[in-house]
Amino acid sequence: MNKKILTPIIMGIMLLGMLFWAVPPSIFAPNPARNPETTASTISTPSTSEELPSTDAYKKITHPTMENTILMVIAFKDFRDEEYLQPKKVFEQAGFSVATTSTKTGRAEGSYGTTVIVDTDINQINPDDYEAVVFCGGGGMGQELDNPVFQKLAQDFSKADKPVTAICIAPALLAKAGLLQDKEATVWASPLDRSAVKILEANGAIYKEESVVRDGSTITANGPAAAEEFGEAIVQLLNN
């Protein structure tokens, strides 16, 4: 073959070979259909267990089981922090669960900044589901003494033969609900303000100037300093 013709042919073959090896083989592979379930817009990184509790753990936090549960009632604003926190701690250490209710669900705020998630709708409470009811005091509860929903809740627990308890100003609510007639009870008072004592006596209660008073299945306490003793008295009543 003429060298003038052979040389370009050889050069052409070499050039084609160089081009072939420079192109990645994948370019010749068929293009698969895209899977819409794995596109970037639908992929999400799961949260770790530290960021978000498991489903079961979340249920335990927000929806305690009703068995062995004590219902605590607070004013949605300005409940007395210690009168909620200290008895709650005593209850839980004794093996009880605690559910919290108020005039509405959501984030309630105490007088000293404590925030509590109100997890129980007061309109759906069945006293048979609880061991006892506890009315906490504070300035906010002082505004609820004539609240018919709170009073009915106390009456419903009493009719179900469940312990009805209250601390600070809240015993005045029990008195107005007709639950302290001829019963010994205590309530918050000061040398300059004995209005709550007068409410008790006007509604037939036998006022006792003591920190915690138990009369049958009714327990009352006179304020924050008695909060722990109040919780212990409720536990003792439930365990007897």
Foldseek 3Di string as FASTA:
>chain_A
DDPVVVVVVVVVVVVVVVVVVVDDPCVVPDDDDDDVCPDPVNDDDDDDCVVPPDPVVVCCVQPPQLPQEEEEEAEQEAFAVLLPPQLCVLSVVLPGHYAYAYCDFAWGAHPVGDTDGRRDYLVPDQLVSHQEYEYTHGPRVVVCLVPVSVLVVQVNNVVVVHAYEYEALCVLSPLVSLNQADHEEEYADDPVGPPSVVSNVVSHHRYDPDQWDDDRSYIYGYDSVCSNVSSVVNSVVSVD
